[in-house]
Amino acid sequence: MTDTLIHAPPADRTARAHLLDLLTRHGARFRRIEHPPEGRTDVASALRGHPVAQAAKCIVVRVKVTKKSSHYVLAVVPGDRRVDLDRIQELWGARQASFADRATAERLSGCVSGSIVPFTFDPALELVVDPALLEHQEIFFNAADLSLSVALDVRDYLRIAVPRTEAIAENAVALAD
């Protein structure tokens, strides 16, 4: 993992500024997209004008390895799918995998819920991405800000984020809401 990713933004910088600086410093091909504040993946995708499958849905998952030991994973899946908690549990050989509580997710990601970016700036948060998201030329996500998104070239995302890639998504269609 690149050194720039394992450090949280300085206290006087927002996650948004840290992300945009990171992309610029690494010569990433990206576009900024301003839109009305929105954190729901399907609505944000419509505002940005792209298929929901190209949205990077970012969920912080608590992986309980033993009774007393757990860690956190930033699971990134296509916007039209859901995180498969059973698969994450299996991959980490864990006793349980569950969604992190909102406060923990926001603290570890440095972002408010609905604007979590597909990068990890905290060494306590392991990044894993479903390969279906990487089949596109560009991915879209809120840039640690509900009213600003980024369209990022997938090759640059892989080069900068260096994520673990695993099948961790399940089709949302088959699930009852």
Protein backbone atom coordinates (compact mmCIF):
# COMPACT_ATOMS: atom_id res chain seq x y z
CA MET A 1 0.00 0.00 0.00
CA THR A 2 1.23 3.50 -0.80
CA ASP A 3 2.46 5.51 2.20
CA THR A 4 0.10 8.37 1.35
CA LEU A 5 -2.90 6.12 1.93
CA ILE A 6 -2.08 4.83 5.37
CA HIS A 7 -2.05 8.26 6.98
CA ALA A 8 -5.17 10.15 7.97
CA PRO A 9 -5.53 13.70 6.73
CA PRO A 10 -4.03 16.27 9.10
CA ALA A 11 -6.57 17.64 11.58
CA ASP A 12 -6.76 20.93 9.70
CA ARG A 13 -7.62 19.23 6.37
CA THR A 14 -10.82 17.57 5.34
CA ALA A 15 -10.98 14.08 3.87
CA ARG A 16 -12.25 15.77 0.68
CA ALA A 17 -9.14 17.96 0.39
CA HIS A 18 -6.90 15.01 1.24
CA LEU A 19 -8.54 12.83 -1.45
CA LEU A 20 -8.38 15.49 -4.19
CA ASP A 21 -4.75 16.27 -3.33
CA LEU A 22 -3.90 12.55 -3.41
CA LEU A 23 -5.47 12.11 -6.86
CA THR A 24 -3.74 15.23 -8.20
CA ARG A 25 -0.30 14.33 -6.78
CA HIS A 26 -0.51 10.87 -8.36
CA GLY A 27 -1.54 12.23 -11.76
CA ALA A 28 -4.91 10.46 -11.71
CA ARG A 29 -7.38 10.98 -14.52
CA PHE A 30 -10.48 12.21 -12.72
CA ARG A 31 -13.32 14.67 -13.01
CA ARG A 32 -15.15 16.57 -10.28
CA ILE A 33 -18.94 16.51 -10.46
CA GLU A 34 -20.90 18.96 -8.33
CA HIS A 35 -24.52 18.09 -7.53
CA PRO A 36 -27.20 18.65 -4.86
CA PRO A 37 -26.27 16.92 -1.57
CA GLU A 38 -27.00 13.19 -1.82
CA GLY A 39 -25.67 10.06 -0.17
CA ARG A 40 -27.96 7.39 -1.60
CA THR A 41 -26.12 5.51 -4.33
CA ASP A 42 -29.01 5.23 -6.79
CA VAL A 43 -30.02 8.89 -6.51
CA ALA A 44 -26.41 10.15 -6.63
CA SER A 45 -25.80 8.02 -9.74
CA ALA A 46 -28.81 9.59 -11.45
CA LEU A 47 -27.57 13.09 -10.54
CA ARG A 48 -24.11 12.26 -11.91
CA GLY A 49 -25.56 10.66 -15.07
CA HIS A 50 -24.07 7.16 -15.03
CA PRO A 51 -25.31 3.57 -14.51
CA VAL A 52 -25.58 2.57 -10.84
CA ALA A 53 -23.20 -0.35 -11.52
CA GLN A 54 -20.35 2.17 -11.95
CA ALA A 55 -20.88 3.69 -8.50
CA ALA A 56 -18.44 2.62 -5.79
CA LYS A 57 -20.64 1.79 -2.81
CA CYS A 58 -18.40 1.90 0.28
CA ILE A 59 -19.39 0.11 3.48
CA VAL A 60 -17.36 -0.27 6.67
CA VAL A 61 -17.65 -3.83 8.02
CA ARG A 62 -16.65 -5.08 11.45
CA VAL A 63 -14.94 -8.46 11.19
CA LYS A 64 -14.97 -10.31 14.51
CA VAL A 65 -12.14 -12.83 14.30
CA THR A 66 -12.33 -14.15 17.88
CA LYS A 67 -14.44 -13.35 20.93
CA LYS A 68 -12.04 -10.57 21.88
CA SER A 69 -10.49 -9.61 18.55
CA SER A 70 -11.97 -7.76 15.62
CA HIS A 71 -10.89 -5.40 12.89
CA TYR A 72 -12.53 -3.33 10.18
CA VAL A 73 -12.79 -3.68 6.42
CA LEU A 74 -13.82 -1.05 3.89
CA ALA A 75 -15.88 -3.12 1.46
CA VAL A 76 -16.37 -1.51 -1.96
CA VAL A 77 -18.99 -2.99 -4.28
CA PRO A 78 -20.85 -1.85 -7.41
CA GLY A 79 -23.75 0.44 -6.57
CA ASP A 80 -26.35 -2.02 -7.84
CA ARG A 81 -25.16 -4.76 -5.47
CA ARG A 82 -24.87 -5.39 -1.74
CA VAL A 83 -21.98 -6.40 0.45
CA ASP A 84 -22.05 -10.15 1.10
CA LEU A 85 -21.28 -10.34 4.83
CA ASP A 86 -21.11 -14.14 4.77
CA ARG A 87 -18.40 -13.95 2.10
CA ILE A 88 -16.39 -11.43 4.11
CA GLN A 89 -16.72 -13.63 7.17
CA GLU A 90 -15.48 -16.59 5.13
CA LEU A 91 -12.54 -14.68 3.58
CA TRP A 92 -11.26 -13.52 6.95
CA GLY A 93 -11.98 -16.81 8.73
CA ALA A 94 -14.06 -14.81 11.18
CA ARG A 95 -16.72 -15.69 13.68
CA GLN A 96 -18.92 -12.86 12.44
CA ALA A 97 -19.05 -9.97 9.97
CA SER A 98 -21.48 -7.10 10.46
CA PHE A 99 -21.92 -3.51 9.39
CA ALA A 100 -19.95 -1.14 11.58
CA ASP A 101 -21.96 1.35 13.58
CA ARG A 102 -22.23 4.78 11.98
CA ALA A 103 -19.88 6.54 14.42
CA THR A 104 -17.13 3.96 13.92
CA ALA A 105 -17.54 4.01 10.13
CA GLU A 106 -17.31 7.79 10.05
CA ARG A 107 -14.32 7.88 12.41
CA LEU A 108 -12.32 5.26 10.47
CA SER A 109 -13.16 6.62 7.02
CA GLY A 110 -12.96 10.30 7.92
CA CYS A 111 -16.19 10.81 5.98
CA VAL A 112 -19.83 11.32 6.86
CA SER A 113 -22.13 8.41 6.07
CA GLY A 114 -23.13 8.46 2.40
CA SER A 115 -19.88 10.07 1.30
CA ILE A 116 -17.31 7.40 2.22
CA VAL A 117 -14.58 7.18 -0.42
CA PRO A 118 -13.12 3.92 -1.82
CA PHE A 119 -9.71 4.68 -0.29
CA THR A 120 -8.51 4.00 3.21
CA PHE A 121 -6.58 6.64 5.12
CA ASP A 122 -6.49 4.74 8.41
CA PRO A 123 -4.29 1.67 8.93
CA ALA A 124 -7.08 0.13 11.05
CA LEU A 125 -9.30 -0.04 7.95
CA GLU A 126 -8.44 -2.71 5.34
CA LEU A 127 -9.60 -2.04 1.76
CA VAL A 128 -11.25 -4.78 -0.31
CA VAL A 129 -12.99 -4.23 -3.67
CA ASP A 130 -15.31 -6.48 -5.63
CA PRO A 131 -13.88 -7.14 -9.13
CA ALA A 132 -17.23 -6.39 -10.81
CA LEU A 133 -16.72 -2.70 -10.03
CA LEU A 134 -13.37 -2.76 -11.80
CA GLU A 135 -14.85 -3.91 -15.13
CA HIS A 136 -15.69 -0.30 -16.01
CA GLN A 137 -13.39 2.36 -17.44
CA GLU A 138 -14.46 4.82 -14.74
CA ILE A 139 -15.92 4.55 -11.26
CA PHE A 140 -17.95 7.23 -9.51
CA PHE A 141 -18.19 8.09 -5.83
CA ASN A 142 -18.92 10.95 -3.46
CA ALA A 143 -15.67 12.72 -2.64
CA ALA A 144 -16.04 12.75 1.17
CA ASP A 145 -18.71 15.36 0.50
CA LEU A 146 -22.40 14.79 -0.21
CA SER A 147 -22.42 17.52 -2.89
CA LEU A 148 -19.21 16.63 -4.75
CA SER A 149 -18.41 13.44 -6.60
CA VAL A 150 -15.45 12.13 -8.53
CA ALA A 151 -15.34 10.14 -11.77
CA LEU A 152 -12.02 8.25 -11.59
CA ASP A 153 -10.22 6.13 -14.17
CA VAL A 154 -10.21 2.54 -12.87
CA ARG A 155 -6.54 1.99 -13.78
CA ASP A 156 -5.58 5.01 -11.70
CA TYR A 157 -7.77 3.84 -8.83
CA LEU A 158 -6.01 0.47 -8.80
CA ARG A 159 -2.57 2.08 -9.04
CA ILE A 160 -3.17 4.54 -6.19
CA ALA A 161 -5.40 2.57 -3.80
CA VAL A 162 -3.79 -0.87 -4.33
CA PRO A 163 -6.89 -2.66 -3.02
CA ARG A 164 -7.32 -6.32 -2.18
CA THR A 165 -9.70 -7.68 -4.83
CA GLU A 166 -12.23 -10.33 -3.82
CA ALA A 167 -15.76 -11.31 -4.83
CA ILE A 168 -17.66 -9.70 -1.92
CA ALA A 169 -20.88 -8.56 -3.59
CA GLU A 170 -24.25 -10.19 -3.97
CA ASN A 171 -27.00 -9.13 -6.34
CA ALA A 172 -29.44 -6.72 -4.73
CA VAL A 173 -32.26 -7.96 -6.99
CA ALA A 174 -32.46 -11.31 -5.20
CA LEU A 175 -32.79 -9.64 -1.79
CA ALA A 176 -35.93 -8.39 -0.15
CA ASP A 177 -35.69 -4.82 1.13
